[in-house]
PDB file of all heavy atoms in Angstrom:
ATOM      1  N   LYS A   1     -10.956  14.804  19.946  1.00  0.00           N
ATOM      2  CA  LYS A   1     -12.014  15.103  20.945  1.00  0.00           C
ATOM      3  C   LYS A   1     -12.200  16.637  21.068  1.00  0.00           C
ATOM      4  O   LYS A   1     -11.331  17.314  21.582  1.00  0.00           O
ATOM      5  CB  LYS A   1     -11.702  14.443  22.344  1.00  0.00           C
ATOM      6  CG  LYS A   1     -12.872  14.599  23.371  1.00  0.00           C
ATOM      7  CD  LYS A   1     -12.579  13.938  24.700  1.00  0.00           C
ATOM      8  CE  LYS A   1     -13.735  14.136  25.729  1.00  0.00           C
ATOM      9  NZ  LYS A   1     -13.395  13.518  26.940  1.00  0.00           N
ATOM     10  N   VAL A   2     -13.390  17.111  20.577  1.00  0.00           N
ATOM     11  CA  VAL A   2     -13.614  18.502  20.644  1.00  0.00           C
ATOM     12  C   VAL A   2     -14.454  18.784  21.900  1.00  0.00           C
ATOM     13  O   VAL A   2     -15.438  18.193  22.367  1.00  0.00           O
ATOM     14  CB  VAL A   2     -14.622  18.859  19.459  1.00  0.00           C
ATOM     15  CG1 VAL A   2     -14.907  20.325  19.464  1.00  0.00           C
ATOM     16  CG2 VAL A   2     -13.795  18.414  18.167  1.00  0.00           C
ATOM     17  N   LYS A   3     -13.947  19.901  22.557  1.00  0.00           N
ATOM     18  CA  LYS A   3     -14.557  20.339  23.859  1.00  0.00           C
ATOM     19  C   LYS A   3     -14.927  21.838  23.783  1.00  0.00           C
ATOM     20  O   LYS A   3     -14.042  22.608  23.447  1.00  0.00           O
ATOM     21  CB  LYS A   3     -13.678  20.028  25.030  1.00  0.00           C
ATOM     22  CG  LYS A   3     -14.169  20.557  26.295  1.00  0.00           C
ATOM     23  CD  LYS A   3     -13.270  20.272  27.458  1.00  0.00           C
ATOM     24  CE  LYS A   3     -13.751  20.775  28.853  1.00  0.00           C
ATOM     25  NZ  LYS A   3     -12.764  20.501  29.963  1.00  0.00           N
ATOM     26  N   LEU A   4     -16.188  22.145  23.955  1.00  0.00           N
ATOM     27  CA  LEU A   4     -16.739  23.512  23.941  1.00  0.00           C
ATOM     28  C   LEU A   4     -17.177  23.905  25.236  1.00  0.00           C
ATOM     29  O   LEU A   4     -17.837  23.138  25.952  1.00  0.00           O
ATOM     30  CB  LEU A   4     -17.769  23.705  22.867  1.00  0.00           C
ATOM     31  CG  LEU A   4     -17.471  23.183  21.448  1.00  0.00           C
ATOM     32  CD1 LEU A   4     -18.849  23.394  20.583  1.00  0.00           C
ATOM     33  CD2 LEU A   4     -16.374  23.891  20.808  1.00  0.00           C
ATOM     34  N   THR A   5     -16.810  25.213  25.706  1.00  0.00           N
ATOM     35  CA  THR A   5     -17.517  25.861  26.805  1.00  0.00           C
ATOM     36  C   THR A   5     -18.313  26.949  26.364  1.00  0.00           C
ATOM     37  O   THR A   5     -17.833  27.837  25.628  1.00  0.00           O
ATOM     38  CB  THR A   5     -16.417  26.216  27.883  1.00  0.00           C
ATOM     39  OG1 THR A   5     -15.685  25.130  28.094  1.00  0.00           O
ATOM     40  CG2 THR A   5     -17.204  26.839  29.174  1.00  0.00           C
ATOM     41  N   THR A   6     -19.611  27.099  26.783  1.00  0.00           N
ATOM     42  CA  THR A   6     -20.421  28.161  26.321  1.00  0.00           C
ATOM     43  C   THR A   6     -20.721  29.110  27.411  1.00  0.00           C
ATOM     44  O   THR A   6     -20.418  28.881  28.624  1.00  0.00           O
ATOM     45  CB  THR A   6     -21.824  27.618  25.875  1.00  0.00           C
ATOM     46  OG1 THR A   6     -22.445  26.889  26.924  1.00  0.00           O
ATOM     47  CG2 THR A   6     -21.574  26.651  24.718  1.00  0.00           C
ATOM     48  N   ASN A   7     -21.248  30.254  27.101  1.00  0.00           N
ATOM     49  CA  ASN A   7     -21.615  31.426  28.086  1.00  0.00           C
ATOM     50  C   ASN A   7     -22.785  31.122  28.928  1.00  0.00           C
ATOM     51  O   ASN A   7     -22.992  31.861  29.832  1.00  0.00           O
ATOM     52  CB  ASN A   7     -21.727  32.658  27.287  1.00  0.00           C
ATOM     53  CG  ASN A   7     -22.939  32.593  26.310  1.00  0.00           C
ATOM     54  OD1 ASN A   7     -23.135  31.595  25.795  1.00  0.00           O
ATOM     55  ND2 ASN A   7     -23.494  33.696  25.988  1.00  0.00           N
ATOM     56  N   LYS A   8     -23.517  30.086  28.514  1.00  0.00           N
ATOM     57  CA  LYS A   8     -24.837  29.826  29.276  1.00  0.00           C
ATOM     58  C   LYS A   8     -25.194  28.269  29.221  1.00  0.00           C
ATOM     59  O   LYS A   8     -24.467  27.623  28.347  1.00  0.00           O
ATOM     60  CB  LYS A   8     -25.892  30.765  28.837  1.00  0.00           C
ATOM     61  CG  LYS A   8     -26.305  30.503  27.351  1.00  0.00           C
ATOM     62  CD  LYS A   8     -27.134  31.497  26.918  1.00  0.00           C
ATOM     63  CE  LYS A   8     -28.467  31.550  27.612  1.00  0.00           C
ATOM     64  NZ  LYS A   8     -29.308  32.699  26.992  1.00  0.00           N
ATOM     65  N   ALA A   9     -26.160  27.865  30.015  1.00  0.00           N
ATOM     66  CA  ALA A   9     -26.595  26.561  29.946  1.00  0.00           C
ATOM     67  C   ALA A   9     -27.205  26.245  28.601  1.00  0.00           C
ATOM     68  O   ALA A   9     -27.870  27.088  28.102  1.00  0.00           O
ATOM     69  CB  ALA A   9     -27.509  26.299  31.135  1.00  0.00           C
ATOM     70  N   ILE A  10     -26.922  25.042  28.144  1.00  0.00           N
ATOM     71  CA  ILE A  10     -27.332  24.657  26.833  1.00  0.00           C
ATOM     72  C   ILE A  10     -28.312  23.513  26.965  1.00  0.00           C
ATOM     73  O   ILE A  10     -28.189  22.589  27.671  1.00  0.00           O
ATOM     74  CB  ILE A  10     -26.156  24.173  25.934  1.00  0.00           C
ATOM     75  CG1 ILE A  10     -25.113  25.294  25.804  1.00  0.00           C
ATOM     76  CG2 ILE A  10     -26.604  23.674  24.530  1.00  0.00           C
ATOM     77  CD1 ILE A  10     -25.837  26.543  25.059  1.00  0.00           C
ATOM     78  N   GLN A  11     -29.430  23.567  26.085  1.00  0.00           N
ATOM     79  CA  GLN A  11     -30.422  22.485  26.095  1.00  0.00           C
ATOM     80  C   GLN A  11     -29.923  21.404  25.097  1.00  0.00           C
ATOM     81  O   GLN A  11     -30.042  20.225  25.471  1.00  0.00           O
ATOM     82  CB  GLN A  11     -31.751  23.037  25.584  1.00  0.00           C
ATOM     83  CG  GLN A  11     -32.871  22.138  25.633  1.00  0.00           C
ATOM     84  CD  GLN A  11     -34.170  22.807  25.129  1.00  0.00           C
ATOM     85  OE1 GLN A  11     -35.033  22.062  24.564  1.00  0.00           O
ATOM     86  NE2 GLN A  11     -34.392  24.117  25.366  1.00  0.00           N
ATOM     87  N   THR A  12     -29.573  21.689  23.856  1.00  0.00           N
ATOM     88  CA  THR A  12     -29.032  20.828  22.945  1.00  0.00           C
ATOM     89  C   THR A  12     -27.868  21.379  22.169  1.00  0.00           C
ATOM     90  O   THR A  12     -27.977  22.693  21.824  1.00  0.00           O
ATOM     91  CB  THR A  12     -30.123  20.323  21.920  1.00  0.00           C
ATOM     92  OG1 THR A  12     -30.631  21.484  21.176  1.00  0.00           O
ATOM     93  CG2 THR A  12     -31.212  19.643  22.599  1.00  0.00           C
ATOM     94  N   ALA A  13     -26.946  20.587  21.625  1.00  0.00           N
ATOM     95  CA  ALA A  13     -25.848  21.092  20.847  1.00  0.00           C
ATOM     96  C   ALA A  13     -25.831  20.105  19.663  1.00  0.00           C
ATOM     97  O   ALA A  13     -25.407  18.880  19.877  1.00  0.00           O
ATOM     98  CB  ALA A  13     -24.559  21.114  21.685  1.00  0.00           C
ATOM     99  N   THR A  14     -26.238  20.566  18.505  1.00  0.00           N
ATOM    100  CA  THR A  14     -26.143  19.698  17.313  1.00  0.00           C
ATOM    101  C   THR A  14     -24.864  19.776  16.592  1.00  0.00           C
ATOM    102  O   THR A  14     -24.517  20.868  16.190  1.00  0.00           O
ATOM    103  CB  THR A  14     -27.441  20.041  16.389  1.00  0.00           C
ATOM    104  OG1 THR A  14     -28.557  19.993  17.050  1.00  0.00           O
ATOM    105  CG2 THR A  14     -27.371  19.012  15.210  1.00  0.00           C
ATOM    106  N   PHE A  15     -24.197  18.581  16.448  1.00  0.00           N
ATOM    107  CA  PHE A  15     -22.905  18.655  15.760  1.00  0.00           C
ATOM    108  C   PHE A  15     -23.080  18.027  14.420  1.00  0.00           C
ATOM    109  O   PHE A  15     -23.558  16.785  14.289  1.00  0.00           O
ATOM    110  CB  PHE A  15     -21.897  17.695  16.665  1.00  0.00           C
ATOM    111  CG  PHE A  15     -20.568  17.627  16.201  1.00  0.00           C
ATOM    112  CD1 PHE A  15     -19.508  18.573  16.557  1.00  0.00           C
ATOM    113  CD2 PHE A  15     -20.151  16.629  15.240  1.00  0.00           C
ATOM    114  CE1 PHE A  15     -18.278  18.446  16.053  1.00  0.00           C
ATOM    115  CE2 PHE A  15     -18.804  16.500  14.787  1.00  0.00           C
ATOM    116  CZ  PHE A  15     -17.909  17.421  15.161  1.00  0.00           C
ATOM    117  N   ALA A  16     -22.628  18.765  13.395  1.00  0.00           N
ATOM    118  CA  ALA A  16     -22.869  18.314  11.953  1.00  0.00           C
ATOM    119  C   ALA A  16     -21.550  18.117  11.400  1.00  0.00           C
ATOM    120  O   ALA A  16     -20.902  19.092  11.293  1.00  0.00           O
ATOM    121  CB  ALA A  16     -23.747  19.237  11.190  1.00  0.00           C
ATOM    122  N   LEU A  17     -21.236  16.918  10.905  1.00  0.00           N
ATOM    123  CA  LEU A  17     -19.955  16.662  10.284  1.00  0.00           C
ATOM    124  C   LEU A  17     -20.044  16.413   8.877  1.00  0.00           C
ATOM    125  O   LEU A  17     -20.875  15.661   8.374  1.00  0.00           O
ATOM    126  CB  LEU A  17     -19.260  15.410  11.048  1.00  0.00           C
ATOM    127  CG  LEU A  17     -17.931  14.903  10.411  1.00  0.00           C
ATOM    128  CD1 LEU A  17     -16.843  15.903  10.749  1.00  0.00           C
ATOM    129  CD2 LEU A  17     -17.601  13.631  11.159  1.00  0.00           C
ATOM    130  N   LYS A  18     -19.164  17.014   7.987  1.00  0.00           N
ATOM    131  CA  LYS A  18     -19.199  16.733   6.596  1.00  0.00           C
ATOM    132  C   LYS A  18     -17.704  16.639   6.070  1.00  0.00           C
ATOM    133  O   LYS A  18     -16.904  17.475   6.261  1.00  0.00           O
ATOM    134  CB  LYS A  18     -19.776  17.968   5.894  1.00  0.00           C
ATOM    135  CG  LYS A  18     -19.959  17.730   4.292  1.00  0.00           C
ATOM    136  CD  LYS A  18     -20.690  18.770   3.623  1.00  0.00           C
ATOM    137  CE  LYS A  18     -20.828  18.425   2.203  1.00  0.00           C
ATOM    138  NZ  LYS A  18     -21.578  19.528   1.457  1.00  0.00           N
ATOM    139  N   MET A  19     -17.501  15.417   5.648  1.00  0.00           N
ATOM    140  CA  MET A  19     -16.097  14.962   5.218  1.00  0.00           C
ATOM    141  C   MET A  19     -16.036  15.061   3.689  1.00  0.00           C
ATOM    142  O   MET A  19     -17.048  14.775   3.002  1.00  0.00           O
ATOM    143  CB  MET A  19     -15.807  13.572   5.723  1.00  0.00           C
ATOM    144  CG  MET A  19     -15.477  13.439   7.143  1.00  0.00           C
ATOM    145  SD  MET A  19     -13.903  14.356   7.705  1.00  0.00           S
ATOM    146  CE  MET A  19     -13.918  13.636   9.342  1.00  0.00           C
ATOM    147  N   ASP A  20     -14.972  15.456   3.120  1.00  0.00           N
ATOM    148  CA  ASP A  20     -14.844  15.455   1.575  1.00  0.00           C
ATOM    149  C   ASP A  20     -14.451  14.070   1.136  1.00  0.00           C
ATOM    150  O   ASP A  20     -13.397  13.884   0.545  1.00  0.00           O
ATOM    151  CB  ASP A  20     -13.675  16.367   1.298  1.00  0.00           C
ATOM    152  CG  ASP A  20     -14.031  17.930   1.691  1.00  0.00           C
ATOM    153  OD1 ASP A  20     -15.239  18.176   1.742  1.00  0.00           O
ATOM    154  OD2 ASP A  20     -13.179  18.733   1.685  1.00  0.00           O
ATOM    155  N   VAL A  21     -15.401  13.121   1.369  1.00  0.00           N
ATOM    156  CA  VAL A  21     -15.232  11.671   0.918  1.00  0.00           C
ATOM    157  C   VAL A  21     -16.217  11.588  -0.282  1.00  0.00           C
ATOM    158  O   VAL A  21     -17.313  11.987  -0.308  1.00  0.00           O
ATOM    159  CB  VAL A  21     -15.632  10.771   1.971  1.00  0.00           C
ATOM    160  CG1 VAL A  21     -15.456   9.381   1.466  1.00  0.00           C
ATOM    161  CG2 VAL A  21     -14.665  11.000   3.272  1.00  0.00           C
ATOM    162  N   LYS A  22     -15.542  10.986  -1.425  1.00  0.00           N
ATOM    163  CA  LYS A  22     -16.330  10.818  -2.536  1.00  0.00           C
ATOM    164  C   LYS A  22     -17.595   9.887  -2.266  1.00  0.00           C
ATOM    165  O   LYS A  22     -17.491   8.824  -1.869  1.00  0.00           O
ATOM    166  CB  LYS A  22     -15.579  10.099  -3.620  1.00  0.00           C
ATOM    167  CG  LYS A  22     -16.230  10.073  -5.049  1.00  0.00           C
ATOM    168  CD  LYS A  22     -15.421   9.492  -6.046  1.00  0.00           C
ATOM    169  CE  LYS A  22     -16.017   9.192  -7.437  1.00  0.00           C
ATOM    170  NZ  LYS A  22     -15.078   8.716  -8.482  1.00  0.00           N
ATOM    171  N   PRO A  23     -18.810  10.448  -2.528  1.00  0.00           N
ATOM    172  CA  PRO A  23     -20.020   9.645  -2.323  1.00  0.00           C
ATOM    173  C   PRO A  23     -20.197   8.540  -3.292  1.00  0.00           C
ATOM    174  O   PRO A  23     -19.712   8.591  -4.360  1.00  0.00           O
ATOM    175  CB  PRO A  23     -21.138  10.769  -2.445  1.00  0.00           C
ATOM    176  CG  PRO A  23     -20.614  11.734  -3.355  1.00  0.00           C
ATOM    177  CD  PRO A  23     -19.148  11.760  -3.087  1.00  0.00           C
ATOM    178  N   GLU A  24     -20.866   7.596  -2.756  1.00  0.00           N
ATOM    179  CA  GLU A  24     -21.104   6.292  -3.726  1.00  0.00           C
ATOM    180  C   GLU A  24     -22.339   6.536  -4.547  1.00  0.00           C
ATOM    181  O   GLU A  24     -23.267   7.215  -4.105  1.00  0.00           O
ATOM    182  CB  GLU A  24     -21.288   5.102  -2.842  1.00  0.00           C
ATOM    183  CG  GLU A  24     -19.970   4.715  -1.993  1.00  0.00           C
ATOM    184  CD  GLU A  24     -20.214   3.404  -1.247  1.00  0.00           C
ATOM    185  OE1 GLU A  24     -21.390   2.848  -1.315  1.00  0.00           O
ATOM    186  OE2 GLU A  24     -19.329   3.021  -0.563  1.00  0.00           O
ATOM    187  N   LYS A  25     -22.313   6.037  -5.794  1.00  0.00           N
ATOM    188  CA  LYS A  25     -23.452   6.149  -6.707  1.00  0.00           C
ATOM    189  C   LYS A  25     -23.799   7.488  -6.854  1.00  0.00           C
ATOM    190  O   LYS A  25     -25.058   7.803  -7.038  1.00  0.00           O
ATOM    191  CB  LYS A  25     -24.525   5.216  -6.280  1.00  0.00           C
ATOM    192  CG  LYS A  25     -24.228   3.743  -6.117  1.00  0.00           C
ATOM    193  CD  LYS A  25     -25.384   2.928  -5.556  1.00  0.00           C
ATOM    194  CE  LYS A  25     -24.947   1.448  -5.320  1.00  0.00           C
ATOM    195  NZ  LYS A  25     -26.038   0.681  -4.833  1.00  0.00           N
ATOM    196  N   ASP A  26     -22.917   8.507  -6.981  1.00  0.00           N
ATOM    197  CA  ASP A  26     -23.228   9.911  -7.352  1.00  0.00           C
ATOM    198  C   ASP A  26     -24.260  10.444  -6.405  1.00  0.00           C
ATOM    199  O   ASP A  26     -24.953  11.418  -6.795  1.00  0.00           O
ATOM    200  CB  ASP A  26     -23.689  10.015  -8.730  1.00  0.00           C
ATOM    201  CG  ASP A  26     -22.606   9.607  -9.796  1.00  0.00           C
ATOM    202  OD1 ASP A  26     -21.499   9.721  -9.487  1.00  0.00           O
ATOM    203  OD2 ASP A  26     -23.026   8.950 -10.778  1.00  0.00           O
ATOM    204  N   GLU A  27     -24.211   9.920  -5.131  1.00  0.00           N
ATOM    205  CA  GLU A  27     -25.146  10.502  -4.237  1.00  0.00           C
ATOM    206  C   GLU A  27     -24.538  11.651  -3.479  1.00  0.00           C
ATOM    207  O   GLU A  27     -23.305  11.743  -3.197  1.00  0.00           O
ATOM    208  CB  GLU A  27     -25.583   9.543  -3.166  1.00  0.00           C
ATOM    209  CG  GLU A  27     -26.368   8.341  -3.694  1.00  0.00           C
ATOM    210  CD  GLU A  27     -26.699   7.351  -2.641  1.00  0.00           C
ATOM    211  OE1 GLU A  27     -26.287   7.448  -1.585  1.00  0.00           O
ATOM    212  OE2 GLU A  27     -27.446   6.418  -2.983  1.00  0.00           O
ATOM    213  N   THR A  28     -25.321  12.751  -3.179  1.00  0.00           N
ATOM    214  CA  THR A  28     -24.695  13.918  -2.544  1.00  0.00           C
ATOM    215  C   THR A  28     -24.623  13.611  -1.010  1.00  0.00           C
ATOM    216  O   THR A  28     -25.380  13.031  -0.354  1.00  0.00           O
ATOM    217  CB  THR A  28     -25.750  15.087  -2.564  1.00  0.00           C
ATOM    218  OG1 THR A  28     -25.990  15.413  -3.959  1.00  0.00           O
ATOM    219  CG2 THR A  28     -25.203  16.336  -1.920  1.00  0.00           C
ATOM    220  N   GLN A  29     -23.474  13.877  -0.467  1.00  0.00           N
ATOM    221  CA  GLN A  29     -23.060  13.614   0.805  1.00  0.00           C
ATOM    222  C   GLN A  29     -23.757  14.610   1.748  1.00  0.00           C
ATOM    223  O   GLN A  29     -23.555  15.840   1.651  1.00  0.00           O
ATOM    224  CB  GLN A  29     -21.559  13.617   1.096  1.00  0.00           C
ATOM    225  CG  GLN A  29     -21.192  13.174   2.626  1.00  0.00           C
ATOM    226  CD  GLN A  29     -19.732  13.569   2.861  1.00  0.00           C
ATOM    227  OE1 GLN A  29     -19.178  14.435   2.247  1.00  0.00           O
ATOM    228  NE2 GLN A  29     -19.171  12.714   3.690  1.00  0.00           N
ATOM    229  N   GLU A  30     -24.492  14.095   2.706  1.00  0.00           N
ATOM    230  CA  GLU A  30     -25.181  14.999   3.725  1.00  0.00           C
ATOM    231  C   GLU A  30     -24.394  14.908   5.032  1.00  0.00           C
ATOM    232  O   GLU A  30     -23.847  13.921   5.374  1.00  0.00           O
ATOM    233  CB  GLU A  30     -26.606  14.401   3.982  1.00  0.00           C
ATOM    234  CG  GLU A  30     -27.581  14.598   2.733  1.00  0.00           C
ATOM    235  CD  GLU A  30     -27.694  16.054   2.285  1.00  0.00           C
ATOM    236  OE1 GLU A  30     -27.549  17.013   3.135  1.00  0.00           O
ATOM    237  OE2 GLU A  30     -28.004  16.159   1.076  1.00  0.00           O
ATOM    238  N   PRO A  31     -24.308  16.118   5.665  1.00  0.00           N
ATOM    239  CA  PRO A  31     -23.709  16.167   6.987  1.00  0.00           C
ATOM    240  C   PRO A  31     -24.135  15.106   7.941  1.00  0.00           C
ATOM    241  O   PRO A  31     -25.434  14.916   8.054  1.00  0.00           O
ATOM    242  CB  PRO A  31     -23.888  17.462   7.599  1.00  0.00           C
ATOM    243  CG  PRO A  31     -24.068  18.343   6.286  1.00  0.00           C
ATOM    244  CD  PRO A  31     -24.879  17.404   5.359  1.00  0.00           C
ATOM    245  N   ALA A  32     -23.296  14.419   8.662  1.00  0.00           N
ATOM    246  CA  ALA A  32     -23.773  13.569   9.641  1.00  0.00           C
ATOM    247  C   ALA A  32     -24.014  14.254  11.098  1.00  0.00           C
ATOM    248  O   ALA A  32     -23.053  14.809  11.478  1.00  0.00           O
ATOM    249  CB  ALA A  32     -22.876  12.420   9.936  1.00  0.00           C
ATOM    250  N   SER A  33     -25.258  14.400  11.402  1.00  0.00           N
ATOM    251  CA  SER A  33     -25.687  15.179  12.679  1.00  0.00           C
ATOM    252  C   SER A  33     -25.774  14.209  13.856  1.00  0.00           C
ATOM    253  O   SER A  33     -26.375  13.201  13.817  1.00  0.00           O
ATOM    254  CB  SER A  33     -26.987  16.037  12.443  1.00  0.00           C
ATOM    255  OG  SER A  33     -26.783  16.894  11.426  1.00  0.00           O
ATOM    256  N   THR A  34     -25.112  14.723  14.948  1.00  0.00           N
ATOM    257  CA  THR A  34     -25.237  13.995  16.264  1.00  0.00           C
ATOM    258  C   THR A  34     -25.349  15.106  17.328  1.00  0.00           C
ATOM    259  O   THR A  34     -25.137  16.220  17.073  1.00  0.00           O
ATOM    260  CB  THR A  34     -24.050  13.162  16.533  1.00  0.00           C
ATOM    261  OG1 THR A  34     -22.849  14.015  16.536  1.00  0.00           O
ATOM    262  CG2 THR A  34     -23.784  11.993  15.508  1.00  0.00           C
ATOM    263  N   GLN A  35     -25.724  14.577  18.453  1.00  0.00           N
ATOM    264  CA  GLN A  35     -25.871  15.478  19.654  1.00  0.00           C
ATOM    265  C   GLN A  35     -24.597  15.341  20.449  1.00  0.00           C
ATOM    266  O   GLN A  35     -24.089  14.295  20.837  1.00  0.00           O
ATOM    267  CB  GLN A  35     -27.074  15.181  20.495  1.00  0.00           C
ATOM    268  CG  GLN A  35     -28.395  15.392  19.728  1.00  0.00           C
ATOM    269  CD  GLN A  35     -28.600  16.784  19.374  1.00  0.00           C
ATOM    270  OE1 GLN A  35     -28.465  17.644  20.130  1.00  0.00           O
ATOM    271  NE2 GLN A  35     -29.013  17.007  17.978  1.00  0.00           N
ATOM    272  N   MET A  36     -24.087  16.563  20.846  1.00  0.00           N
ATOM    273  CA  MET A  36     -22.834  16.587  21.687  1.00  0.00           C
ATOM    274  C   MET A  36     -23.304  16.312  23.194  1.00  0.00           C
ATOM    275  O   MET A  36     -24.432  16.473  23.502  1.00  0.00           O
ATOM    276  CB  MET A  36     -22.157  17.897  21.647  1.00  0.00           C
ATOM    277  CG  MET A  36     -21.681  18.326  20.266  1.00  0.00           C
ATOM    278  SD  MET A  36     -20.735  19.917  20.243  1.00  0.00           S
ATOM    279  CE  MET A  36     -19.153  19.357  20.957  1.00  0.00           C
ATOM    280  N   VAL A  37     -22.331  15.638  23.883  1.00  0.00           N
ATOM    281  CA  VAL A  37     -22.615  15.346  25.329  1.00  0.00           C
ATOM    282  C   VAL A  37     -22.509  16.569  26.111  1.00  0.00           C
ATOM    283  O   VAL A  37     -21.540  17.359  25.895  1.00  0.00           O
ATOM    284  CB  VAL A  37     -21.579  14.296  25.735  1.00  0.00           C
ATOM    285  CG1 VAL A  37     -21.844  14.029  27.283  1.00  0.00           C
ATOM    286  CG2 VAL A  37     -21.752  13.044  25.065  1.00  0.00           C
ATOM    287  N   ILE A  38     -23.542  16.877  27.010  1.00  0.00           N
ATOM    288  CA  ILE A  38     -23.479  18.170  27.778  1.00  0.00           C
ATOM    289  C   ILE A  38     -23.267  17.776  29.105  1.00  0.00           C
ATOM    290  O   ILE A  38     -23.981  16.877  29.785  1.00  0.00           O
ATOM    291  CB  ILE A  38     -24.848  18.874  27.588  1.00  0.00           C
ATOM    292  CG1 ILE A  38     -25.129  19.203  26.073  1.00  0.00           C
ATOM    293  CG2 ILE A  38     -24.824  20.204  28.471  1.00  0.00           C
ATOM    294  CD1 ILE A  38     -26.460  19.762  25.881  1.00  0.00           C
ATOM    295  N   SER A  39     -22.300  18.458  29.849  1.00  0.00           N
ATOM    296  CA  SER A  39     -22.041  18.260  31.226  1.00  0.00           C
ATOM    297  C   SER A  39     -21.943  19.629  31.947  1.00  0.00           C
ATOM    298  O   SER A  39     -21.472  20.641  31.219  1.00  0.00           O
ATOM    299  CB  SER A  39     -20.792  17.420  31.442  1.00  0.00           C
ATOM    300  OG  SER A  39     -19.638  18.092  30.792  1.00  0.00           O
ATOM    301  N   ASP A  40     -22.337  19.663  33.184  1.00  0.00           N
ATOM    302  CA  ASP A  40     -22.420  20.891  33.944  1.00  0.00           C
ATOM    303  C   ASP A  40     -23.170  22.054  33.247  1.00  0.00           C
ATOM    304  O   ASP A  40     -22.942  23.268  33.402  1.00  0.00           O
ATOM    305  CB  ASP A  40     -20.953  21.441  34.250  1.00  0.00           C
ATOM    306  CG  ASP A  40     -20.299  20.431  35.174  1.00  0.00           C
ATOM    307  OD1 ASP A  40     -20.895  19.716  35.919  1.00  0.00           O
ATOM    308  OD2 ASP A  40     -19.059  20.295  35.014  1.00  0.00           O
ATOM    309  N   GLY A  41     -24.089  21.661  32.314  1.00  0.00           N
ATOM    310  CA  GLY A  41     -24.888  22.703  31.688  1.00  0.00           C
ATOM    311  C   GLY A  41     -24.299  23.434  30.463  1.00  0.00           C
ATOM    312  O   GLY A  41     -25.050  23.584  29.505  1.00  0.00           O
ATOM    313  N   ASN A  42     -22.965  23.691  30.548  1.00  0.00           N
ATOM    314  CA  ASN A  42     -22.382  24.423  29.496  1.00  0.00           C
ATOM    315  C   ASN A  42     -21.059  23.862  28.871  1.00  0.00           C
ATOM    316  O   ASN A  42     -20.325  24.607  28.272  1.00  0.00           O
ATOM    317  CB  ASN A  42     -22.174  25.854  29.779  1.00  0.00           C
ATOM    318  CG  ASN A  42     -21.143  26.112  31.011  1.00  0.00           C
ATOM    319  OD1 ASN A  42     -20.862  25.063  31.676  1.00  0.00           O
ATOM    320  ND2 ASN A  42     -20.467  27.161  31.051  1.00  0.00           N
ATOM    321  N   ILE A  43     -20.750  22.625  29.175  1.00  0.00           N
ATOM    322  CA  ILE A  43     -19.609  21.908  28.714  1.00  0.00           C
ATOM    323  C   ILE A  43     -20.000  20.871  27.725  1.00  0.00           C
ATOM    324  O   ILE A  43     -20.643  19.868  28.082  1.00  0.00           O
ATOM    325  CB  ILE A  43     -18.668  21.326  29.764  1.00  0.00           C
ATOM    326  CG1 ILE A  43     -18.237  22.641  30.693  1.00  0.00           C
ATOM    327  CG2 ILE A  43     -17.502  20.573  29.241  1.00  0.00           C
ATOM    328  CD1 ILE A  43     -17.302  22.013  31.986  1.00  0.00           C
TER     329      ILE A  43
END
């Protein structure tokens, strides 16, 4: 569980994950992007 605290209030935090897992059918693996949960504005 990753927890970040920022210096100011955040509107969105885009989390992009890229694992070194062999892609199927020679496809290029793209990072999986999700939005982090924001609480108290900057956590």
